[in-house]
Structures are given as C-alpha cells and as structure tokens.
C-alpha cells in the first residue's frame, strides 16, 4: 500500500512524453492506449512497459438542481444546505463530471533489458508510426504506476474540459 509520500513522489515523477492528439470526446466514450514505462528499482538496466487502455466515459453536466441526487446518500444536513445554497445562488453554474474505467484485462506487461531513454524513444517512434491520435507514452514510477496513470487521466480532463464546454454551448446544452 502506498503512503502519502509515495503517492506524491509518483505524481511529481509522471511525465507524458507523447501527448494524445485528441481530447476526451464530448458525446461518447474515449479509449486511450497507453504505454507506461517505469524503471525497476532493484535491477539496473531493466524497464517495465505496461501497454493497456484507459476508458474515459462520456462527460456529464451536473447542474445545481442535480446535485441533490449526488448527495442523497452518505452526506448529512450540511451538504443539503450547501446544495440549497447552490440552487439559490449559482443558477448559471454547472460542474463537469468525468469518469474513467481502467481495465487491467486490456493491459500487458513486459520487462525490457535496456535504458529508459532507449525504450521511450522506441515507443515514441511506434506511436508516431501507428498514427493513433489517442495513444500516449508515459514515463512514471514502478511502485506507484497506477497513480501515474491517474495523473495522466486528470491532466486529460483538464485539457479536455474547455473544449467539451464549448461543444455543449454550440449545441445549446449549456
């Protein structure tokens, strides 16, 4: 189990070396193919490559009127008062909800006997030749590799949000 320091270390040491060309789709599921490269800490010259898929569900718009549905279970009276305040004071506000599913069944792992830089270079070339606008290459840490993947997911949400909102506005949904 990772402690807070390990999680912070994984976040700070996550580098996306090939950024997907496309963002999260506004009206459908987006499936990113990822190559996550990590150094094995106890063995020199060995690198783990995880090849898998990260599924981003269709983003949803949550308005103040709909917050109560989200907060019905497990939240107390203060949350209800906050939702009521939102209804009265934030009629134009909307929150975007993004959901990700990580399916380990889509993932393969391999150990490569080479330097991290050489492996990253080969994967960059592979992704470039595949011409898949939803592929990414991520350099992370082995022990906290899932944190690295979640860091990538949150970065994609930030990168996609403005475009998703603009698309909803163009279609009159906001």
N, C-alpha and C. Protein backbone atom coordinates (compact mmCIF):
# COMPACT_ATOMS: atom_id res chain seq x y z
N UNK A 1 0.84 -1.17 0.00
CA UNK A 1 0.00 0.00 0.00
C UNK A 1 0.89 1.24 0.00
N UNK A 2 0.54 2.19 -0.83
CA UNK A 2 1.32 3.42 -0.95
C UNK A 2 0.98 4.38 0.18
N UNK A 3 2.00 5.04 0.71
CA UNK A 3 1.75 6.09 1.69
C UNK A 3 1.68 7.43 0.96
N UNK A 4 1.39 8.47 1.71
CA UNK A 4 1.22 9.80 1.10
C UNK A 4 2.48 10.27 0.37
N UNK A 5 3.65 10.01 0.94
CA UNK A 5 4.90 10.41 0.28
C UNK A 5 5.09 9.67 -1.03
N UNK A 6 4.76 8.38 -1.07
CA UNK A 6 4.90 7.60 -2.30
C UNK A 6 3.94 8.10 -3.38
N UNK A 7 2.75 8.47 -2.98
CA UNK A 7 1.77 8.99 -3.93
C UNK A 7 2.27 10.32 -4.50
N UNK A 8 2.74 11.18 -3.62
CA UNK A 8 3.27 12.48 -4.07
C UNK A 8 4.46 12.30 -5.00
N UNK A 9 5.34 11.36 -4.67
CA UNK A 9 6.51 11.06 -5.50
C UNK A 9 6.06 10.60 -6.89
N UNK A 10 5.06 9.73 -6.94
CA UNK A 10 4.56 9.24 -8.23
C UNK A 10 3.97 10.37 -9.05
N UNK A 11 3.21 11.25 -8.41
CA UNK A 11 2.62 12.38 -9.12
C UNK A 11 3.70 13.29 -9.70
N UNK A 12 4.68 13.61 -8.86
CA UNK A 12 5.74 14.53 -9.27
C UNK A 12 6.66 13.94 -10.34
N UNK A 13 6.71 12.62 -10.44
CA UNK A 13 7.62 11.97 -11.38
C UNK A 13 6.89 11.32 -12.55
N UNK A 14 5.70 11.80 -12.85
CA UNK A 14 4.96 11.33 -14.02
C UNK A 14 5.20 12.32 -15.15
N UNK A 15 5.71 11.82 -16.26
CA UNK A 15 5.98 12.65 -17.44
C UNK A 15 5.30 12.02 -18.65
N UNK A 16 4.45 12.77 -19.29
CA UNK A 16 3.83 12.30 -20.53
C UNK A 16 4.77 12.71 -21.65
N UNK A 17 5.40 11.72 -22.28
CA UNK A 17 6.37 12.03 -23.33
C UNK A 17 5.74 12.07 -24.71
N UNK A 18 4.59 11.43 -24.88
CA UNK A 18 3.79 11.57 -26.09
C UNK A 18 2.38 11.87 -25.63
N UNK A 19 1.92 13.08 -25.91
CA UNK A 19 0.58 13.51 -25.52
C UNK A 19 -0.40 13.09 -26.61
N UNK A 20 -1.55 12.54 -26.23
CA UNK A 20 -2.55 12.20 -27.26
C UNK A 20 -2.94 13.44 -28.05
N UNK A 21 -3.17 13.24 -29.33
CA UNK A 21 -3.55 14.37 -30.19
C UNK A 21 -5.00 14.79 -29.95
N UNK A 22 -5.84 13.85 -29.55
CA UNK A 22 -7.25 14.14 -29.32
C UNK A 22 -7.53 14.29 -27.83
N UNK A 23 -8.61 14.99 -27.53
CA UNK A 23 -9.05 15.15 -26.16
C UNK A 23 -10.16 14.14 -25.87
N UNK A 24 -10.70 14.20 -24.67
CA UNK A 24 -11.83 13.35 -24.30
C UNK A 24 -13.04 13.80 -25.11
N UNK A 25 -13.71 12.86 -25.75
CA UNK A 25 -14.88 13.16 -26.56
C UNK A 25 -16.01 13.70 -25.70
N UNK A 26 -16.77 14.64 -26.24
CA UNK A 26 -17.87 15.24 -25.50
C UNK A 26 -19.08 14.31 -25.45
N UNK A 27 -19.34 13.58 -26.52
CA UNK A 27 -20.59 12.82 -26.61
C UNK A 27 -20.39 11.32 -26.74
N UNK A 28 -19.27 10.82 -26.31
CA UNK A 28 -19.06 9.38 -26.39
C UNK A 28 -17.90 8.95 -25.51
N UNK A 29 -17.67 7.67 -25.47
CA UNK A 29 -16.56 7.12 -24.70
C UNK A 29 -15.27 7.30 -25.51
N UNK A 30 -14.20 7.63 -24.82
CA UNK A 30 -12.89 7.79 -25.44
C UNK A 30 -11.98 6.73 -24.86
N UNK A 31 -11.28 6.02 -25.73
CA UNK A 31 -10.37 4.96 -25.26
C UNK A 31 -8.94 5.35 -25.63
N UNK A 32 -8.16 5.64 -24.58
CA UNK A 32 -6.76 5.97 -24.77
C UNK A 32 -5.93 4.70 -24.69
N UNK A 33 -4.98 4.56 -25.58
CA UNK A 33 -3.99 3.48 -25.47
C UNK A 33 -2.77 4.08 -24.79
N UNK A 34 -2.33 3.43 -23.74
CA UNK A 34 -1.17 3.96 -23.03
C UNK A 34 -0.03 2.96 -23.01
N UNK A 35 1.17 3.51 -23.04
CA UNK A 35 2.39 2.78 -22.77
C UNK A 35 3.00 3.46 -21.56
N UNK A 36 3.05 2.76 -20.45
CA UNK A 36 3.59 3.32 -19.21
C UNK A 36 4.92 2.65 -18.94
N UNK A 37 5.97 3.46 -18.95
CA UNK A 37 7.34 2.97 -18.83
C UNK A 37 7.86 3.32 -17.43
N UNK A 38 8.37 2.30 -16.72
CA UNK A 38 8.91 2.51 -15.38
C UNK A 38 10.21 1.73 -15.22
N UNK A 39 11.12 2.30 -14.44
CA UNK A 39 12.37 1.61 -14.14
C UNK A 39 12.14 0.66 -12.97
N UNK A 40 12.75 -0.51 -13.07
CA UNK A 40 12.71 -1.42 -11.92
C UNK A 40 13.72 -0.91 -10.91
N UNK A 41 13.30 -0.72 -9.69
CA UNK A 41 14.15 -0.08 -8.69
C UNK A 41 15.28 -0.98 -8.20
N UNK A 42 15.08 -2.27 -8.21
CA UNK A 42 16.07 -3.17 -7.64
C UNK A 42 16.97 -3.84 -8.68
N UNK A 43 16.78 -3.51 -9.95
CA UNK A 43 17.56 -4.15 -11.01
C UNK A 43 17.98 -3.10 -12.03
N UNK A 44 19.28 -2.94 -12.21
CA UNK A 44 19.79 -1.95 -13.17
C UNK A 44 19.56 -2.42 -14.60
N UNK A 45 19.24 -1.47 -15.47
CA UNK A 45 19.12 -1.78 -16.90
C UNK A 45 17.88 -2.56 -17.27
N UNK A 46 16.87 -2.57 -16.40
CA UNK A 46 15.61 -3.24 -16.73
C UNK A 46 14.46 -2.25 -16.57
N UNK A 47 13.56 -2.31 -17.53
CA UNK A 47 12.44 -1.38 -17.60
C UNK A 47 11.16 -2.18 -17.79
N UNK A 48 10.14 -1.78 -17.06
CA UNK A 48 8.82 -2.42 -17.23
C UNK A 48 7.99 -1.55 -18.16
N UNK A 49 7.35 -2.19 -19.14
CA UNK A 49 6.46 -1.49 -20.05
C UNK A 49 5.06 -2.07 -19.88
N UNK A 50 4.14 -1.22 -19.52
CA UNK A 50 2.74 -1.62 -19.42
C UNK A 50 2.02 -1.02 -20.62
N UNK A 51 1.31 -1.86 -21.33
CA UNK A 51 0.59 -1.48 -22.54
C UNK A 51 -0.87 -1.79 -22.27
N UNK A 52 -1.71 -0.78 -22.28
CA UNK A 52 -3.12 -1.02 -21.97
C UNK A 52 -4.02 0.08 -22.48
N UNK A 53 -5.23 0.04 -21.99
CA UNK A 53 -6.23 1.01 -22.42
C UNK A 53 -6.88 1.65 -21.20
N UNK A 54 -7.15 2.92 -21.34
CA UNK A 54 -7.83 3.69 -20.32
C UNK A 54 -9.10 4.24 -20.94
N UNK A 55 -10.23 3.89 -20.39
CA UNK A 55 -11.52 4.26 -20.95
C UNK A 55 -12.06 5.48 -20.22
N UNK A 56 -12.30 6.56 -20.95
CA UNK A 56 -12.91 7.76 -20.40
C UNK A 56 -14.38 7.76 -20.81
N UNK A 57 -15.24 7.71 -19.81
CA UNK A 57 -16.67 7.73 -20.09
C UNK A 57 -17.07 9.12 -20.61
N UNK A 58 -18.20 9.18 -21.23
CA UNK A 58 -18.74 10.44 -21.73
C UNK A 58 -18.89 11.41 -20.56
N UNK A 59 -18.36 12.64 -20.68
CA UNK A 59 -18.53 13.62 -19.60
C UNK A 59 -20.01 13.98 -19.43
N UNK A 60 -20.36 14.35 -18.23
CA UNK A 60 -21.74 14.73 -17.94
C UNK A 60 -21.77 16.13 -17.35
N UNK A 61 -22.86 16.82 -17.57
CA UNK A 61 -23.08 18.14 -16.99
C UNK A 61 -23.94 17.94 -15.75
N UNK A 62 -23.46 18.46 -14.64
CA UNK A 62 -24.24 18.37 -13.40
C UNK A 62 -24.56 19.80 -12.97
N UNK A 63 -25.84 20.11 -12.97
CA UNK A 63 -26.29 21.43 -12.58
C UNK A 63 -26.65 21.44 -11.09
N UNK A 64 -26.77 22.62 -10.49
CA UNK A 64 -27.14 22.67 -9.06
C UNK A 64 -28.41 21.90 -8.75
N UNK A 65 -29.36 21.89 -9.68
CA UNK A 65 -30.60 21.15 -9.46
C UNK A 65 -30.35 19.65 -9.32
N UNK A 66 -29.28 19.17 -9.95
CA UNK A 66 -29.00 17.73 -9.92
C UNK A 66 -28.04 17.33 -8.80
N UNK A 67 -27.44 18.31 -8.11
CA UNK A 67 -26.52 17.98 -7.03
C UNK A 67 -27.18 17.13 -5.95
N UNK A 68 -28.45 17.42 -5.67
CA UNK A 68 -29.11 16.69 -4.59
C UNK A 68 -29.12 15.19 -4.84
N UNK A 69 -29.21 14.78 -6.09
CA UNK A 69 -29.17 13.34 -6.41
C UNK A 69 -27.83 12.73 -6.05
N UNK A 70 -26.76 13.51 -6.28
CA UNK A 70 -25.42 13.01 -5.96
C UNK A 70 -25.20 12.95 -4.46
N UNK A 71 -25.83 13.84 -3.72
CA UNK A 71 -25.55 13.97 -2.30
C UNK A 71 -26.59 13.27 -1.42
N UNK A 72 -27.56 12.62 -2.01
CA UNK A 72 -28.59 11.96 -1.21
C UNK A 72 -28.02 10.89 -0.29
N UNK A 73 -27.04 10.16 -0.75
CA UNK A 73 -26.52 9.05 0.03
C UNK A 73 -25.19 9.42 0.66
N UNK A 74 -25.11 9.25 1.97
CA UNK A 74 -23.84 9.38 2.66
C UNK A 74 -23.46 10.80 3.07
N UNK A 75 -24.28 11.79 2.76
CA UNK A 75 -23.98 13.15 3.17
C UNK A 75 -25.06 13.62 4.13
N UNK A 76 -24.68 14.49 5.01
CA UNK A 76 -25.59 14.94 6.05
C UNK A 76 -26.30 16.23 5.72
N UNK A 77 -26.81 16.84 6.78
CA UNK A 77 -27.62 18.04 6.68
C UNK A 77 -26.85 19.22 6.09
N UNK A 78 -25.56 19.36 6.45
CA UNK A 78 -24.77 20.49 5.95
C UNK A 78 -24.61 20.43 4.43
N UNK A 79 -24.44 19.22 3.90
CA UNK A 79 -24.34 19.08 2.45
C UNK A 79 -25.65 19.49 1.79
N UNK A 80 -26.76 19.13 2.41
CA UNK A 80 -28.06 19.53 1.88
C UNK A 80 -28.23 21.03 1.87
N UNK A 81 -27.75 21.71 2.93
CA UNK A 81 -27.82 23.16 2.98
C UNK A 81 -26.95 23.79 1.90
N UNK A 82 -25.80 23.19 1.65
CA UNK A 82 -24.92 23.68 0.59
C UNK A 82 -25.60 23.55 -0.77
N UNK A 83 -26.25 22.42 -1.02
CA UNK A 83 -26.95 22.22 -2.28
C UNK A 83 -28.06 23.26 -2.43
N UNK A 84 -28.77 23.52 -1.34
CA UNK A 84 -29.82 24.54 -1.39
C UNK A 84 -29.24 25.91 -1.71
N UNK A 85 -28.09 26.23 -1.10
CA UNK A 85 -27.41 27.50 -1.39
C UNK A 85 -27.04 27.57 -2.87
N UNK A 86 -26.52 26.46 -3.42
CA UNK A 86 -26.16 26.43 -4.84
C UNK A 86 -27.38 26.71 -5.71
N UNK A 87 -28.50 26.10 -5.38
CA UNK A 87 -29.72 26.32 -6.16
C UNK A 87 -30.10 27.79 -6.18
N UNK A 88 -29.95 28.46 -5.05
CA UNK A 88 -30.36 29.85 -4.92
C UNK A 88 -29.35 30.83 -5.51
N UNK A 89 -28.05 30.48 -5.47
CA UNK A 89 -27.00 31.45 -5.80
C UNK A 89 -26.18 31.13 -7.04
N UNK A 90 -26.31 29.98 -7.56
CA UNK A 90 -25.42 29.60 -8.66
C UNK A 90 -26.21 29.00 -9.81
N UNK A 91 -27.24 29.68 -10.23
CA UNK A 91 -28.11 29.12 -11.27
C UNK A 91 -27.39 28.90 -12.59
N UNK A 92 -26.34 29.67 -12.86
CA UNK A 92 -25.60 29.52 -14.11
C UNK A 92 -24.45 28.52 -14.01
N UNK A 93 -24.19 28.06 -12.82
CA UNK A 93 -23.05 27.18 -12.62
C UNK A 93 -23.38 25.74 -13.03
N UNK A 94 -22.40 25.11 -13.60
CA UNK A 94 -22.52 23.68 -13.91
C UNK A 94 -21.16 23.05 -13.63
N UNK A 95 -21.19 21.81 -13.22
CA UNK A 95 -19.97 21.06 -12.94
C UNK A 95 -19.87 19.96 -13.97
N UNK A 96 -18.67 19.72 -14.45
CA UNK A 96 -18.46 18.62 -15.38
C UNK A 96 -18.05 17.39 -14.59
N UNK A 97 -18.63 16.27 -14.93
CA UNK A 97 -18.27 15.01 -14.28
C UNK A 97 -17.63 14.12 -15.34
N UNK A 98 -16.40 13.70 -15.04
CA UNK A 98 -15.70 12.79 -15.92
C UNK A 98 -15.51 11.48 -15.18
N UNK A 99 -15.66 10.39 -15.88
CA UNK A 99 -15.43 9.09 -15.26
C UNK A 99 -14.45 8.29 -16.08
N UNK A 100 -13.57 7.59 -15.41
CA UNK A 100 -12.62 6.72 -16.08
C UNK A 100 -12.78 5.30 -15.58
N UNK A 101 -12.57 4.38 -16.48
CA UNK A 101 -12.52 2.97 -16.10
C UNK A 101 -11.17 2.45 -16.56
N UNK A 102 -10.47 1.81 -15.66
CA UNK A 102 -9.21 1.20 -16.03
C UNK A 102 -9.42 -0.30 -16.03
N UNK A 103 -9.25 -0.91 -17.15
CA UNK A 103 -9.48 -2.34 -17.27
C UNK A 103 -8.14 -3.06 -17.39
N UNK A 104 -7.76 -3.73 -16.34
CA UNK A 104 -6.48 -4.42 -16.34
C UNK A 104 -6.47 -5.58 -17.34
N UNK A 105 -7.61 -6.04 -17.75
CA UNK A 105 -7.66 -7.11 -18.74
C UNK A 105 -7.12 -6.63 -20.08
N UNK A 106 -7.14 -5.31 -20.28
CA UNK A 106 -6.62 -4.74 -21.52
C UNK A 106 -5.12 -4.50 -21.46
N UNK A 107 -4.51 -4.82 -20.34
CA UNK A 107 -3.12 -4.45 -20.12
C UNK A 107 -2.19 -5.66 -20.26
N UNK A 108 -1.04 -5.38 -20.86
CA UNK A 108 0.03 -6.36 -20.94
C UNK A 108 1.27 -5.73 -20.33
N UNK A 109 2.10 -6.56 -19.75
CA UNK A 109 3.32 -6.09 -19.10
C UNK A 109 4.50 -6.84 -19.68
N UNK A 110 5.59 -6.12 -19.86
CA UNK A 110 6.82 -6.79 -20.30
C UNK A 110 8.01 -6.12 -19.65
N UNK A 111 9.08 -6.88 -19.50
CA UNK A 111 10.34 -6.36 -18.97
C UNK A 111 11.30 -6.27 -20.15
N UNK A 112 11.90 -5.09 -20.28
CA UNK A 112 12.84 -4.83 -21.37
C UNK A 112 14.21 -4.57 -20.76
N UNK A 113 15.22 -5.20 -21.31
CA UNK A 113 16.60 -5.01 -20.84
C UNK A 113 17.26 -3.91 -21.67
N UNK A 114 17.05 -2.67 -21.22
CA UNK A 114 17.58 -1.52 -21.92
C UNK A 114 17.43 -0.30 -21.01
N UNK A 115 17.89 0.83 -21.48
CA UNK A 115 17.75 2.06 -20.68
C UNK A 115 16.34 2.63 -20.88
N UNK A 116 15.89 3.40 -19.92
CA UNK A 116 14.58 4.04 -20.00
C UNK A 116 14.51 4.93 -21.23
N UNK A 117 15.57 5.70 -21.49
CA UNK A 117 15.57 6.61 -22.63
C UNK A 117 15.40 5.87 -23.95
N UNK A 118 16.10 4.73 -24.10
CA UNK A 118 16.01 3.95 -25.33
C UNK A 118 14.60 3.39 -25.51
N UNK A 119 14.00 2.91 -24.44
CA UNK A 119 12.64 2.35 -24.51
C UNK A 119 11.65 3.46 -24.85
N UNK A 120 11.77 4.61 -24.20
CA UNK A 120 10.88 5.73 -24.51
C UNK A 120 11.02 6.17 -25.96
N UNK A 121 12.24 6.22 -26.46
CA UNK A 121 12.46 6.60 -27.86
C UNK A 121 11.78 5.62 -28.82
N UNK A 122 11.95 4.32 -28.56
CA UNK A 122 11.31 3.32 -29.44
C UNK A 122 9.79 3.42 -29.39
N UNK A 123 9.23 3.66 -28.21
CA UNK A 123 7.78 3.79 -28.10
C UNK A 123 7.27 5.05 -28.78
N UNK A 124 8.02 6.15 -28.69
CA UNK A 124 7.64 7.38 -29.42
C UNK A 124 7.53 7.09 -30.91
N UNK A 125 8.53 6.41 -31.44
CA UNK A 125 8.53 6.07 -32.87
C UNK A 125 7.35 5.15 -33.20
N UNK A 126 7.10 4.14 -32.35
CA UNK A 126 5.99 3.21 -32.57
C UNK A 126 4.66 3.96 -32.60
N UNK A 127 4.45 4.87 -31.67
CA UNK A 127 3.20 5.63 -31.62
C UNK A 127 3.09 6.55 -32.83
N UNK A 128 4.19 7.18 -33.21
CA UNK A 128 4.17 8.04 -34.40
C UNK A 128 3.79 7.26 -35.65
N UNK A 129 4.35 6.06 -35.81
CA UNK A 129 4.06 5.25 -37.00
C UNK A 129 2.63 4.70 -36.98
N UNK A 130 2.10 4.45 -35.80
CA UNK A 130 0.73 3.91 -35.69
C UNK A 130 -0.32 4.95 -36.05
N UNK A 131 0.04 6.23 -35.95
CA UNK A 131 -0.87 7.32 -36.26
C UNK A 131 -2.21 7.18 -35.52
N UNK A 132 -2.14 6.82 -34.26
CA UNK A 132 -3.32 6.71 -33.41
C UNK A 132 -3.40 7.97 -32.55
N UNK A 133 -4.37 8.84 -32.81
CA UNK A 133 -4.43 10.11 -32.08
C UNK A 133 -4.79 9.97 -30.59
N UNK A 134 -5.08 8.75 -30.14
CA UNK A 134 -5.43 8.53 -28.74
C UNK A 134 -4.37 7.73 -28.00
N UNK A 135 -3.18 7.63 -28.57
CA UNK A 135 -2.09 6.91 -27.91
C UNK A 135 -1.24 7.88 -27.11
N UNK A 136 -0.67 7.36 -26.01
CA UNK A 136 0.19 8.16 -25.17
C UNK A 136 1.34 7.30 -24.65
N UNK A 137 2.46 7.95 -24.40
CA UNK A 137 3.60 7.31 -23.75
C UNK A 137 3.85 8.09 -22.47
N UNK A 138 3.88 7.36 -21.36
CA UNK A 138 4.03 7.96 -20.04
C UNK A 138 5.25 7.36 -19.37
N UNK A 139 6.09 8.21 -18.79
CA UNK A 139 7.23 7.76 -18.00
C UNK A 139 6.86 7.98 -16.55
N UNK A 140 6.86 6.91 -15.76
CA UNK A 140 6.44 7.01 -14.37
C UNK A 140 7.32 6.21 -13.44
N UNK A 141 6.77 5.90 -12.28
CA UNK A 141 7.48 5.12 -11.27
C UNK A 141 6.79 3.78 -11.10
N UNK A 142 7.58 2.75 -10.85
CA UNK A 142 7.05 1.39 -10.85
C UNK A 142 6.10 1.13 -9.68
N UNK A 143 6.51 1.52 -8.48
CA UNK A 143 5.68 1.21 -7.32
C UNK A 143 4.33 1.93 -7.37
N UNK A 144 4.31 3.14 -7.86
CA UNK A 144 3.08 3.91 -7.92
C UNK A 144 2.55 4.09 -9.32
N UNK A 145 2.70 3.07 -10.15
CA UNK A 145 2.34 3.21 -11.57
C UNK A 145 0.87 3.56 -11.79
N UNK A 146 -0.02 3.05 -10.94
CA UNK A 146 -1.44 3.37 -11.10
C UNK A 146 -1.70 4.85 -10.79
N UNK A 147 -0.95 5.40 -9.84
CA UNK A 147 -1.04 6.84 -9.55
C UNK A 147 -0.60 7.63 -10.77
N UNK A 148 0.45 7.17 -11.44
CA UNK A 148 0.92 7.84 -12.66
C UNK A 148 -0.17 7.85 -13.72
N UNK A 149 -0.87 6.74 -13.84
CA UNK A 149 -1.95 6.65 -14.82
C UNK A 149 -3.10 7.58 -14.45
N UNK A 150 -3.42 7.67 -13.17
CA UNK A 150 -4.47 8.60 -12.73
C UNK A 150 -4.05 10.05 -12.92
N UNK A 151 -2.78 10.34 -12.76
CA UNK A 151 -2.27 11.68 -13.02
C UNK A 151 -2.48 12.04 -14.50
N UNK A 152 -2.18 11.10 -15.37
CA UNK A 152 -2.43 11.31 -16.80
C UNK A 152 -3.92 11.57 -17.03
N UNK A 153 -4.80 10.80 -16.39
CA UNK A 153 -6.24 10.96 -16.57
C UNK A 153 -6.70 12.35 -16.13
N UNK A 154 -6.22 12.82 -14.99
CA UNK A 154 -6.62 14.15 -14.54
C UNK A 154 -6.09 15.24 -15.46
N UNK A 155 -4.89 15.04 -16.00
CA UNK A 155 -4.36 16.01 -16.97
C UNK A 155 -5.22 16.05 -18.23
N UNK A 156 -5.70 14.89 -18.67
CA UNK A 156 -6.56 14.85 -19.86
C UNK A 156 -7.90 15.52 -19.59
N UNK A 157 -8.42 15.37 -18.38
CA UNK A 157 -9.67 16.05 -18.02
C UNK A 157 -9.47 17.56 -18.11
N UNK A 158 -8.37 18.05 -17.53
CA UNK A 158 -8.10 19.49 -17.58
C UNK A 158 -7.94 19.98 -19.01
N UNK A 159 -7.27 19.18 -19.82
CA UNK A 159 -7.04 19.56 -21.22
C UNK A 159 -8.32 19.53 -22.04
N UNK A 160 -9.27 18.69 -21.67
CA UNK A 160 -10.49 18.49 -22.45
C UNK A 160 -11.65 19.37 -22.04
N UNK A 161 -11.68 19.81 -20.80
CA UNK A 161 -12.87 20.47 -20.25
C UNK A 161 -13.34 21.67 -21.06
N UNK A 162 -12.45 22.57 -21.42
CA UNK A 162 -12.87 23.77 -22.15
C UNK A 162 -13.49 23.41 -23.49
N UNK A 163 -12.91 22.47 -24.20
CA UNK A 163 -13.46 22.05 -25.49
C UNK A 163 -14.82 21.38 -25.33
N UNK A 164 -14.98 20.58 -24.28
CA UNK A 164 -16.27 19.94 -24.03
C UNK A 164 -17.35 20.98 -23.74
N UNK A 165 -17.03 21.95 -22.90
CA UNK A 165 -17.98 23.02 -22.56
C UNK A 165 -18.36 23.81 -23.82
N UNK A 166 -17.37 24.15 -24.63
CA UNK A 166 -17.66 24.89 -25.86
C UNK A 166 -18.58 24.10 -26.79
N UNK A 167 -18.35 22.80 -26.87
CA UNK A 167 -19.20 21.98 -27.73
C UNK A 167 -20.63 21.92 -27.20
N UNK A 168 -20.81 21.81 -25.89
CA UNK A 168 -22.15 21.83 -25.31
C UNK A 168 -22.83 23.16 -25.56
N UNK A 169 -22.08 24.25 -25.45
CA UNK A 169 -22.66 25.58 -25.71
C UNK A 169 -23.09 25.72 -27.16
N UNK A 170 -22.24 25.26 -28.08
CA UNK A 170 -22.60 25.34 -29.51
C UNK A 170 -23.90 24.59 -29.80
N UNK A 171 -24.14 23.53 -29.07
CA UNK A 171 -25.36 22.74 -29.29
C UNK A 171 -26.51 23.17 -28.41
N UNK A 172 -26.31 24.24 -27.65
CA UNK A 172 -27.39 24.78 -26.82
C UNK A 172 -27.67 23.98 -25.57
N UNK A 173 -26.73 23.21 -25.10
CA UNK A 173 -26.95 22.38 -23.91
C UNK A 173 -26.55 23.08 -22.62
N UNK A 174 -25.86 24.20 -22.75
CA UNK A 174 -25.48 24.99 -21.56
C UNK A 174 -26.00 26.40 -21.70
